[in-house]
Structures are given as C-alpha cells and as structure tokens.
C-alpha cells in the first residue's frame, strides 16, 4: 500500500495498519445475480468434483 502512495495513519495493537485513501480510488463490484447455466452432464461432473474435493479435505484434516 505504501508503494501505491497511500498514507498510513494508524496501526493498532494487533499490527493492523490503516490507510487514508481518496474515495475515487476505491470501487466495489456489483454482485452478479446471474446463475450459471449448465447442462445436466456439466452439473453431474461438477457435483462429482465437489464430492471428491470434500472427501479429500476430510481425509487431510484427519491425518
């Protein structure tokens, strides 16, 4: 942030640093309300990938 030229104005006891920034330098993206359009085949493949990822996550946590 310092490299970008933002002015540091406060550091709290946890080490978090706060900066002063012009409003025109901050932007928030609008949340997309569109849902993904998938074929049934794509939906099943995604469900299978997610199930495998969950299984592997649980396996890693138990080690």
Protein backbone atom coordinates (compact mmCIF):
# COMPACT_ATOMS: atom_id res chain seq x y z
CA UNK A 1 0.00 0.00 0.00
CA UNK A 2 2.86 2.36 0.75
CA UNK A 3 4.29 1.73 -2.72
CA UNK A 4 0.96 2.85 -4.19
CA UNK A 5 1.26 6.15 -2.34
CA UNK A 6 -1.39 5.65 0.33
CA UNK A 7 -0.84 7.48 3.59
CA UNK A 8 -0.63 5.32 6.71
CA UNK A 9 -2.48 6.91 9.63
CA UNK A 10 -2.92 4.24 12.30
CA UNK A 11 -1.53 0.88 13.43
CA UNK A 12 -3.43 -0.98 16.15
CA UNK A 13 -2.10 -3.28 18.88
CA UNK A 14 -2.59 -6.35 16.64
CA UNK A 15 -0.39 -4.89 13.92
CA UNK A 16 -3.21 -3.95 11.53
CA UNK A 17 -2.39 -0.84 9.51
CA UNK A 18 -4.99 1.69 8.39
CA UNK A 19 -4.53 3.99 5.40
CA UNK A 20 -6.13 7.20 4.15
CA UNK A 21 -7.44 6.71 0.62
CA UNK A 22 -9.34 9.05 -1.71
CA UNK A 23 -12.88 7.90 -2.43
CA UNK A 24 -12.28 7.82 -6.17
CA UNK A 25 -9.56 5.19 -5.64
CA UNK A 26 -11.99 2.70 -4.07
CA UNK A 27 -14.50 0.68 -6.05
CA UNK A 28 -16.91 -2.08 -5.15
CA UNK A 29 -18.13 -4.50 -7.75
CA UNK A 30 -21.82 -5.16 -8.01
CA UNK A 31 -22.78 -8.71 -7.09
CA UNK A 32 -23.83 -10.75 -10.08
CA UNK A 33 -27.38 -12.07 -9.86
CA UNK A 34 -26.87 -14.41 -12.80
CA UNK A 35 -26.84 -18.11 -12.10
CA UNK A 36 -24.61 -20.48 -14.02
CA UNK A 37 -26.25 -22.22 -16.92
CA UNK A 38 -25.02 -25.82 -17.07
CA UNK A 39 -26.11 -28.86 -18.97
CA UNK A 40 -27.07 -31.91 -16.94
CA UNK A 41 -23.75 -33.53 -17.86
CA UNK A 42 -21.78 -30.50 -16.65
CA UNK A 43 -23.82 -30.39 -13.45
CA UNK A 44 -23.07 -34.07 -12.70
CA UNK A 45 -19.35 -33.58 -13.42
CA UNK A 46 -19.22 -30.56 -11.11
CA UNK A 47 -21.04 -32.48 -8.36
CA UNK A 48 -18.55 -35.33 -8.69
CA UNK A 49 -15.55 -32.95 -8.48
CA UNK A 50 -17.03 -31.25 -5.41
CA UNK A 51 -17.71 -34.60 -3.71
CA UNK A 52 -14.10 -35.69 -4.34
CA UNK A 53 -12.77 -32.39 -3.01
CA UNK A 54 -14.85 -32.73 0.17
CA UNK A 55 -13.69 -36.32 0.64
CA UNK A 56 -10.02 -35.32 0.21
CA UNK A 57 -10.45 -32.36 2.56
CA UNK A 58 -11.84 -34.60 5.29
CA UNK A 59 -9.03 -37.09 4.70
CA UNK A 60 -6.36 -34.38 5.10
CA UNK A 61 -7.94 -32.99 8.28
CA UNK A 62 -7.98 -36.41 9.95
CA UNK A 63 -4.25 -37.01 9.35
